[in-house]
N, C-alpha and C. Protein backbone atom coordinates (compact mmCIF):
# COMPACT_ATOMS: atom_id res chain seq x y z
N UNK A 1 -15.31 -19.42 -15.41
CA UNK A 1 -15.55 -18.13 -16.02
C UNK A 1 -15.99 -17.13 -14.94
N UNK A 2 -15.51 -15.91 -15.04
CA UNK A 2 -15.84 -14.87 -14.09
C UNK A 2 -17.20 -14.26 -14.44
N UNK A 3 -18.03 -14.05 -13.44
CA UNK A 3 -19.33 -13.43 -13.65
C UNK A 3 -19.25 -11.98 -13.22
N UNK A 4 -19.79 -11.08 -14.04
CA UNK A 4 -19.78 -9.65 -13.74
C UNK A 4 -21.19 -9.16 -13.46
N UNK A 5 -21.28 -8.19 -12.58
CA UNK A 5 -22.52 -7.53 -12.27
C UNK A 5 -22.30 -6.08 -12.68
N UNK A 6 -23.32 -5.32 -13.00
CA UNK A 6 -23.10 -3.98 -13.56
C UNK A 6 -22.20 -3.06 -12.76
N UNK A 7 -22.32 -3.04 -11.44
CA UNK A 7 -21.54 -2.02 -10.75
C UNK A 7 -21.46 -2.25 -9.27
N UNK A 8 -20.35 -1.79 -8.72
CA UNK A 8 -20.21 -1.68 -7.28
C UNK A 8 -21.12 -0.54 -6.83
N UNK A 9 -21.66 -0.63 -5.65
CA UNK A 9 -22.54 0.45 -5.18
C UNK A 9 -21.72 1.70 -4.85
N UNK A 10 -22.36 2.82 -4.94
CA UNK A 10 -21.72 4.09 -4.61
C UNK A 10 -21.29 4.10 -3.14
N UNK A 11 -22.14 3.58 -2.26
CA UNK A 11 -21.79 3.53 -0.83
C UNK A 11 -20.54 2.70 -0.59
N UNK A 12 -20.48 1.52 -1.22
CA UNK A 12 -19.30 0.67 -1.05
C UNK A 12 -18.06 1.35 -1.63
N UNK A 13 -18.19 1.97 -2.79
CA UNK A 13 -17.05 2.66 -3.41
C UNK A 13 -16.55 3.79 -2.51
N UNK A 14 -17.46 4.54 -1.94
CA UNK A 14 -17.06 5.63 -1.03
C UNK A 14 -16.37 5.09 0.21
N UNK A 15 -16.85 3.97 0.73
CA UNK A 15 -16.24 3.36 1.92
C UNK A 15 -14.82 2.88 1.59
N UNK A 16 -14.65 2.30 0.41
CA UNK A 16 -13.31 1.86 -0.02
C UNK A 16 -12.37 3.05 -0.08
N UNK A 17 -12.81 4.12 -0.71
CA UNK A 17 -11.97 5.31 -0.86
C UNK A 17 -11.59 5.89 0.49
N UNK A 18 -12.57 6.10 1.35
CA UNK A 18 -12.26 6.74 2.64
C UNK A 18 -11.36 5.86 3.51
N UNK A 19 -11.59 4.57 3.51
CA UNK A 19 -10.77 3.68 4.32
C UNK A 19 -9.35 3.58 3.76
N UNK A 20 -9.21 3.52 2.44
CA UNK A 20 -7.88 3.45 1.84
C UNK A 20 -7.08 4.71 2.17
N UNK A 21 -7.72 5.87 2.09
CA UNK A 21 -7.04 7.11 2.44
C UNK A 21 -6.66 7.14 3.92
N UNK A 22 -7.56 6.68 4.77
CA UNK A 22 -7.29 6.61 6.21
C UNK A 22 -6.12 5.66 6.48
N UNK A 23 -6.10 4.53 5.78
CA UNK A 23 -5.00 3.57 5.91
C UNK A 23 -3.67 4.24 5.57
N UNK A 24 -3.68 5.04 4.53
CA UNK A 24 -2.47 5.76 4.15
C UNK A 24 -1.99 6.70 5.24
N UNK A 25 -2.90 7.45 5.82
CA UNK A 25 -2.54 8.39 6.89
C UNK A 25 -2.02 7.63 8.11
N UNK A 26 -2.74 6.58 8.51
CA UNK A 26 -2.36 5.82 9.70
C UNK A 26 -1.01 5.12 9.54
N UNK A 27 -0.61 4.87 8.31
CA UNK A 27 0.65 4.16 8.06
C UNK A 27 1.73 5.08 7.50
N UNK A 28 1.54 6.39 7.69
CA UNK A 28 2.52 7.40 7.28
C UNK A 28 2.95 7.28 5.82
N UNK A 29 1.97 7.01 4.96
CA UNK A 29 2.26 6.90 3.53
C UNK A 29 2.29 8.28 2.89
N UNK A 30 2.88 8.35 1.72
CA UNK A 30 2.80 9.57 0.92
C UNK A 30 1.34 9.83 0.56
N UNK A 31 1.00 11.05 0.13
CA UNK A 31 -0.38 11.33 -0.26
C UNK A 31 -0.86 10.35 -1.34
N UNK A 32 -2.07 9.83 -1.14
CA UNK A 32 -2.62 8.83 -2.04
C UNK A 32 -3.74 9.39 -2.92
N UNK A 33 -3.91 8.74 -4.05
CA UNK A 33 -5.08 8.90 -4.90
C UNK A 33 -5.77 7.54 -4.90
N UNK A 34 -7.07 7.53 -4.70
CA UNK A 34 -7.84 6.28 -4.68
C UNK A 34 -9.01 6.43 -5.64
N UNK A 35 -9.12 5.47 -6.55
CA UNK A 35 -10.16 5.47 -7.57
C UNK A 35 -10.84 4.12 -7.58
N UNK A 36 -12.17 4.11 -7.58
CA UNK A 36 -12.95 2.89 -7.71
C UNK A 36 -13.71 2.97 -9.03
N UNK A 37 -13.58 1.91 -9.85
CA UNK A 37 -14.31 1.85 -11.11
C UNK A 37 -15.29 0.69 -11.09
N UNK A 38 -16.35 0.81 -11.90
CA UNK A 38 -17.32 -0.28 -11.99
C UNK A 38 -16.88 -1.26 -13.07
N UNK A 39 -17.70 -2.25 -13.35
CA UNK A 39 -17.30 -3.28 -14.30
C UNK A 39 -17.24 -2.79 -15.74
N UNK A 40 -17.77 -1.62 -16.01
CA UNK A 40 -17.65 -1.01 -17.34
C UNK A 40 -16.41 -0.13 -17.43
N UNK A 41 -15.70 0.02 -16.31
CA UNK A 41 -14.51 0.86 -16.28
C UNK A 41 -14.79 2.31 -15.97
N UNK A 42 -16.03 2.63 -15.63
CA UNK A 42 -16.40 4.01 -15.32
C UNK A 42 -16.09 4.33 -13.86
N UNK A 43 -15.56 5.53 -13.58
CA UNK A 43 -15.31 5.93 -12.20
C UNK A 43 -16.59 5.99 -11.38
N UNK A 44 -16.55 5.43 -10.19
CA UNK A 44 -17.68 5.48 -9.26
C UNK A 44 -17.35 6.42 -8.10
N UNK A 45 -16.12 6.34 -7.59
CA UNK A 45 -15.69 7.22 -6.50
C UNK A 45 -14.19 7.47 -6.65
N UNK A 46 -13.80 8.69 -6.28
CA UNK A 46 -12.40 9.09 -6.42
C UNK A 46 -12.10 10.19 -5.42
N UNK A 47 -10.93 10.10 -4.81
CA UNK A 47 -10.43 11.20 -3.98
C UNK A 47 -8.92 11.27 -4.09
N UNK A 48 -8.42 12.47 -3.93
CA UNK A 48 -6.99 12.75 -4.02
C UNK A 48 -6.57 13.44 -2.73
N UNK A 49 -5.57 12.89 -2.06
CA UNK A 49 -5.05 13.52 -0.84
C UNK A 49 -4.39 14.84 -1.19
N UNK A 50 -4.45 15.79 -0.27
CA UNK A 50 -3.71 17.04 -0.45
C UNK A 50 -2.24 16.73 -0.67
N UNK A 51 -1.65 17.40 -1.63
CA UNK A 51 -0.23 17.22 -1.90
C UNK A 51 0.09 16.13 -2.90
N UNK A 52 -0.93 15.46 -3.41
CA UNK A 52 -0.69 14.40 -4.39
C UNK A 52 -0.50 15.01 -5.78
N UNK A 53 0.53 14.59 -6.51
CA UNK A 53 0.75 15.14 -7.86
C UNK A 53 -0.41 14.81 -8.80
N UNK A 54 -0.66 15.65 -9.80
CA UNK A 54 -1.81 15.45 -10.68
C UNK A 54 -1.75 14.17 -11.50
N UNK A 55 -0.59 13.66 -11.84
CA UNK A 55 -0.48 12.45 -12.65
C UNK A 55 -0.92 11.18 -11.94
N UNK A 56 -1.11 11.25 -10.65
CA UNK A 56 -1.46 10.05 -9.88
C UNK A 56 -2.84 9.50 -10.25
N UNK A 57 -3.77 10.37 -10.67
CA UNK A 57 -5.09 9.87 -11.09
C UNK A 57 -4.93 8.90 -12.26
N UNK A 58 -4.12 9.28 -13.25
CA UNK A 58 -3.94 8.44 -14.43
C UNK A 58 -3.28 7.11 -14.08
N UNK A 59 -2.35 7.14 -13.12
CA UNK A 59 -1.71 5.90 -12.69
C UNK A 59 -2.72 5.00 -11.98
N UNK A 60 -3.51 5.57 -11.07
CA UNK A 60 -4.53 4.80 -10.37
C UNK A 60 -5.53 4.21 -11.36
N UNK A 61 -5.92 4.98 -12.36
CA UNK A 61 -6.84 4.48 -13.38
C UNK A 61 -6.21 3.33 -14.15
N UNK A 62 -4.95 3.46 -14.53
CA UNK A 62 -4.27 2.40 -15.26
C UNK A 62 -4.14 1.12 -14.45
N UNK A 63 -3.93 1.25 -13.15
CA UNK A 63 -3.85 0.07 -12.30
C UNK A 63 -5.20 -0.62 -12.22
N UNK A 64 -6.26 0.14 -11.92
CA UNK A 64 -7.60 -0.44 -11.79
C UNK A 64 -8.10 -0.99 -13.12
N UNK A 65 -7.94 -0.22 -14.19
CA UNK A 65 -8.43 -0.63 -15.50
C UNK A 65 -7.72 -1.88 -16.00
N UNK A 66 -6.41 -1.93 -15.84
CA UNK A 66 -5.67 -3.10 -16.27
C UNK A 66 -6.11 -4.35 -15.52
N UNK A 67 -6.27 -4.22 -14.21
CA UNK A 67 -6.71 -5.35 -13.40
C UNK A 67 -8.09 -5.82 -13.84
N UNK A 68 -9.01 -4.89 -13.99
CA UNK A 68 -10.37 -5.24 -14.37
C UNK A 68 -10.42 -5.92 -15.74
N UNK A 69 -9.77 -5.32 -16.72
CA UNK A 69 -9.86 -5.85 -18.08
C UNK A 69 -9.10 -7.16 -18.28
N UNK A 70 -8.03 -7.35 -17.52
CA UNK A 70 -7.24 -8.58 -17.67
C UNK A 70 -7.68 -9.68 -16.69
N UNK A 71 -8.48 -9.32 -15.69
CA UNK A 71 -9.00 -10.31 -14.76
C UNK A 71 -8.02 -10.78 -13.70
N UNK A 72 -6.93 -10.01 -13.52
CA UNK A 72 -5.95 -10.30 -12.47
C UNK A 72 -5.51 -8.98 -11.85
N UNK A 73 -5.13 -9.00 -10.59
CA UNK A 73 -4.67 -7.78 -9.94
C UNK A 73 -3.43 -7.25 -10.65
N UNK A 74 -3.23 -5.94 -10.55
CA UNK A 74 -2.12 -5.31 -11.29
C UNK A 74 -0.75 -5.80 -10.82
N UNK A 75 -0.65 -6.30 -9.61
CA UNK A 75 0.63 -6.87 -9.16
C UNK A 75 0.98 -8.07 -10.03
N UNK A 76 -0.02 -8.90 -10.34
CA UNK A 76 0.20 -10.05 -11.22
C UNK A 76 0.55 -9.59 -12.63
N UNK A 77 -0.05 -8.50 -13.07
CA UNK A 77 0.29 -7.95 -14.39
C UNK A 77 1.77 -7.55 -14.42
N UNK A 78 2.27 -7.04 -13.31
CA UNK A 78 3.70 -6.69 -13.23
C UNK A 78 4.58 -7.92 -13.36
N UNK A 79 4.16 -9.00 -12.71
CA UNK A 79 4.91 -10.25 -12.82
C UNK A 79 4.87 -10.76 -14.26
N UNK A 80 3.70 -10.64 -14.90
CA UNK A 80 3.56 -11.06 -16.29
C UNK A 80 4.43 -10.20 -17.21
N UNK A 81 4.58 -8.93 -16.87
CA UNK A 81 5.41 -8.04 -17.69
C UNK A 81 6.87 -8.48 -17.66
N UNK A 82 7.30 -9.05 -16.53
CA UNK A 82 8.67 -9.56 -16.44
C UNK A 82 8.78 -10.89 -17.21
N UNK A 83 7.77 -11.75 -17.03
CA UNK A 83 7.77 -13.06 -17.68
C UNK A 83 7.58 -12.96 -19.19
N UNK A 84 6.67 -12.10 -19.61
CA UNK A 84 6.30 -12.00 -21.03
C UNK A 84 6.12 -10.54 -21.42
N UNK A 85 7.22 -9.80 -21.51
CA UNK A 85 7.14 -8.36 -21.76
C UNK A 85 6.44 -7.99 -23.07
N UNK A 86 6.62 -8.79 -24.11
CA UNK A 86 5.97 -8.47 -25.40
C UNK A 86 4.46 -8.61 -25.30
N UNK A 87 4.01 -9.59 -24.53
CA UNK A 87 2.58 -9.77 -24.35
C UNK A 87 1.96 -8.57 -23.66
N UNK A 88 2.52 -8.16 -22.53
CA UNK A 88 1.97 -7.03 -21.79
C UNK A 88 2.06 -5.75 -22.61
N UNK A 89 3.14 -5.57 -23.33
CA UNK A 89 3.28 -4.40 -24.19
C UNK A 89 2.17 -4.38 -25.24
N UNK A 90 1.91 -5.52 -25.84
CA UNK A 90 0.85 -5.60 -26.84
C UNK A 90 -0.52 -5.39 -26.26
N UNK A 91 -0.76 -5.98 -25.09
CA UNK A 91 -2.05 -5.83 -24.42
C UNK A 91 -2.29 -4.37 -24.04
N UNK A 92 -1.25 -3.72 -23.54
CA UNK A 92 -1.38 -2.33 -23.11
C UNK A 92 -1.88 -1.44 -24.24
N UNK A 93 -1.48 -1.73 -25.45
CA UNK A 93 -1.93 -0.95 -26.60
C UNK A 93 -3.27 -1.39 -27.15
N UNK A 94 -3.80 -2.49 -26.64
CA UNK A 94 -5.04 -3.05 -27.18
C UNK A 94 -6.27 -2.81 -26.30
N UNK A 95 -6.06 -2.55 -25.03
CA UNK A 95 -7.18 -2.38 -24.11
C UNK A 95 -7.88 -1.04 -24.29
N UNK A 96 -9.15 -1.03 -23.88
CA UNK A 96 -9.84 0.25 -23.74
C UNK A 96 -9.30 0.91 -22.49
N UNK A 97 -8.53 1.94 -22.63
CA UNK A 97 -7.97 2.64 -21.48
C UNK A 97 -6.59 2.12 -21.12
N UNK A 98 -5.99 2.76 -20.12
CA UNK A 98 -4.60 2.49 -19.76
C UNK A 98 -4.42 1.20 -18.97
N UNK A 99 -3.18 0.72 -18.97
CA UNK A 99 -2.77 -0.43 -18.17
C UNK A 99 -1.45 -0.07 -17.51
N UNK A 100 -1.42 -0.11 -16.18
CA UNK A 100 -0.19 0.14 -15.43
C UNK A 100 0.11 -1.14 -14.65
N UNK A 101 1.12 -1.92 -15.09
CA UNK A 101 1.36 -3.24 -14.51
C UNK A 101 2.25 -3.24 -13.27
N UNK A 102 1.79 -2.60 -12.22
CA UNK A 102 2.46 -2.64 -10.91
C UNK A 102 1.38 -2.74 -9.84
N UNK A 103 1.74 -3.20 -8.66
CA UNK A 103 0.78 -3.39 -7.58
C UNK A 103 0.05 -2.09 -7.25
N UNK A 104 -1.21 -2.24 -6.85
CA UNK A 104 -2.04 -1.09 -6.48
C UNK A 104 -3.38 -1.11 -7.18
N UNK A 105 -3.56 -2.01 -8.15
CA UNK A 105 -4.85 -2.20 -8.81
C UNK A 105 -5.42 -3.54 -8.37
N UNK A 106 -6.59 -3.52 -7.72
CA UNK A 106 -7.15 -4.72 -7.13
C UNK A 106 -8.59 -4.90 -7.58
N UNK A 107 -8.89 -6.09 -8.06
CA UNK A 107 -10.26 -6.43 -8.45
C UNK A 107 -11.11 -6.54 -7.18
N UNK A 108 -12.36 -6.09 -7.27
CA UNK A 108 -13.29 -6.16 -6.14
C UNK A 108 -14.38 -7.17 -6.49
N UNK A 109 -14.60 -8.12 -5.56
CA UNK A 109 -15.65 -9.11 -5.77
C UNK A 109 -16.64 -9.06 -4.61
N UNK A 110 -17.84 -9.53 -4.91
CA UNK A 110 -18.89 -9.69 -3.91
C UNK A 110 -19.39 -11.12 -4.04
N UNK A 111 -19.00 -11.96 -3.10
CA UNK A 111 -19.34 -13.38 -3.14
C UNK A 111 -18.95 -14.02 -4.46
N UNK A 112 -17.73 -13.73 -4.92
CA UNK A 112 -17.20 -14.35 -6.12
C UNK A 112 -17.56 -13.67 -7.43
N UNK A 113 -18.38 -12.64 -7.36
CA UNK A 113 -18.79 -11.92 -8.57
C UNK A 113 -18.03 -10.61 -8.63
N UNK A 114 -17.37 -10.34 -9.76
CA UNK A 114 -16.63 -9.09 -9.93
C UNK A 114 -17.60 -7.93 -10.02
N UNK A 115 -17.36 -6.91 -9.18
CA UNK A 115 -18.22 -5.72 -9.17
C UNK A 115 -17.45 -4.44 -9.51
N UNK A 116 -16.13 -4.55 -9.66
CA UNK A 116 -15.34 -3.36 -9.99
C UNK A 116 -13.88 -3.59 -9.67
N UNK A 117 -13.14 -2.49 -9.58
CA UNK A 117 -11.72 -2.55 -9.24
C UNK A 117 -11.33 -1.25 -8.57
N UNK A 118 -10.26 -1.32 -7.79
CA UNK A 118 -9.71 -0.16 -7.09
C UNK A 118 -8.30 0.08 -7.62
N UNK A 119 -7.97 1.34 -7.84
CA UNK A 119 -6.61 1.72 -8.16
C UNK A 119 -6.13 2.73 -7.14
N UNK A 120 -4.95 2.48 -6.59
CA UNK A 120 -4.35 3.39 -5.62
C UNK A 120 -2.95 3.74 -6.10
N UNK A 121 -2.59 5.01 -6.00
CA UNK A 121 -1.26 5.46 -6.39
C UNK A 121 -0.80 6.55 -5.44
N UNK A 122 0.51 6.56 -5.16
CA UNK A 122 1.06 7.63 -4.33
C UNK A 122 2.24 7.19 -3.49
N UNK A 123 2.25 5.95 -3.05
CA UNK A 123 3.34 5.46 -2.22
C UNK A 123 4.02 4.32 -3.00
N UNK A 124 4.72 3.44 -2.30
CA UNK A 124 5.27 2.28 -3.01
C UNK A 124 4.09 1.46 -3.53
N UNK A 125 4.32 0.71 -4.56
CA UNK A 125 3.23 -0.07 -5.15
C UNK A 125 2.64 -1.06 -4.15
N UNK A 126 3.48 -1.70 -3.34
CA UNK A 126 2.97 -2.64 -2.34
C UNK A 126 2.12 -1.93 -1.29
N UNK A 127 2.53 -0.72 -0.88
CA UNK A 127 1.72 0.06 0.07
C UNK A 127 0.41 0.50 -0.57
N UNK A 128 0.47 0.86 -1.84
CA UNK A 128 -0.77 1.22 -2.56
C UNK A 128 -1.74 0.05 -2.53
N UNK A 129 -1.23 -1.15 -2.81
CA UNK A 129 -2.08 -2.34 -2.79
C UNK A 129 -2.65 -2.59 -1.40
N UNK A 130 -1.85 -2.43 -0.37
CA UNK A 130 -2.33 -2.64 1.00
C UNK A 130 -3.47 -1.67 1.34
N UNK A 131 -3.36 -0.43 0.88
CA UNK A 131 -4.44 0.55 1.13
C UNK A 131 -5.71 0.13 0.40
N UNK A 132 -5.56 -0.34 -0.84
CA UNK A 132 -6.73 -0.79 -1.61
C UNK A 132 -7.42 -1.95 -0.90
N UNK A 133 -6.64 -2.91 -0.45
CA UNK A 133 -7.20 -4.09 0.22
C UNK A 133 -7.88 -3.70 1.53
N UNK A 134 -7.30 -2.77 2.27
CA UNK A 134 -7.94 -2.30 3.51
C UNK A 134 -9.31 -1.71 3.20
N UNK A 135 -9.40 -0.93 2.13
CA UNK A 135 -10.68 -0.35 1.75
C UNK A 135 -11.70 -1.39 1.35
N UNK A 136 -11.26 -2.36 0.56
CA UNK A 136 -12.16 -3.43 0.11
C UNK A 136 -12.72 -4.21 1.31
N UNK A 137 -11.86 -4.55 2.23
CA UNK A 137 -12.28 -5.29 3.42
C UNK A 137 -13.27 -4.47 4.26
N UNK A 138 -13.00 -3.17 4.39
CA UNK A 138 -13.88 -2.31 5.18
C UNK A 138 -15.28 -2.23 4.58
N UNK A 139 -15.37 -2.39 3.28
CA UNK A 139 -16.67 -2.35 2.60
C UNK A 139 -17.39 -3.70 2.67
N UNK A 140 -16.74 -4.69 3.29
CA UNK A 140 -17.35 -6.01 3.39
C UNK A 140 -17.30 -6.78 2.09
N UNK A 141 -16.37 -6.39 1.21
CA UNK A 141 -16.22 -7.06 -0.07
C UNK A 141 -14.92 -7.86 -0.07
N UNK A 142 -14.64 -8.52 -1.17
CA UNK A 142 -13.46 -9.39 -1.24
C UNK A 142 -12.58 -8.99 -2.42
N UNK A 143 -11.40 -9.59 -2.44
CA UNK A 143 -10.45 -9.41 -3.55
C UNK A 143 -9.83 -10.76 -3.83
N UNK A 144 -9.55 -11.04 -5.11
CA UNK A 144 -8.93 -12.35 -5.42
C UNK A 144 -7.49 -12.42 -4.94
């Protein structure tokens, strides 16, 4: 069973956001949106690169929220959507908040305890995920 703690710290969330955005710049990615949510699904830190379309916040939220509520990274949710499309469709309508089943939503753990999730949107889904993971590592935290 997964153990949850109330929240990722604001400092860690800010470090994740800044590093993920920096990763995007250093890797010539499209403008990114990076959102960190706590275990209740509440935003802790968020930034939007100049030139990022307004809908990207909602996509980043759906990636992070889906990962957090389902207990698997959003890339796995995408695989599940291919394997069991009716299940994911049903779950998407049942969760508190959105679910976007593509890579870029990553659960954040601290020594095996879930403390939040990161959602990144703006480039390819795999690049979004790489930016999220770079941020998590820079904060000294882990991802499953």
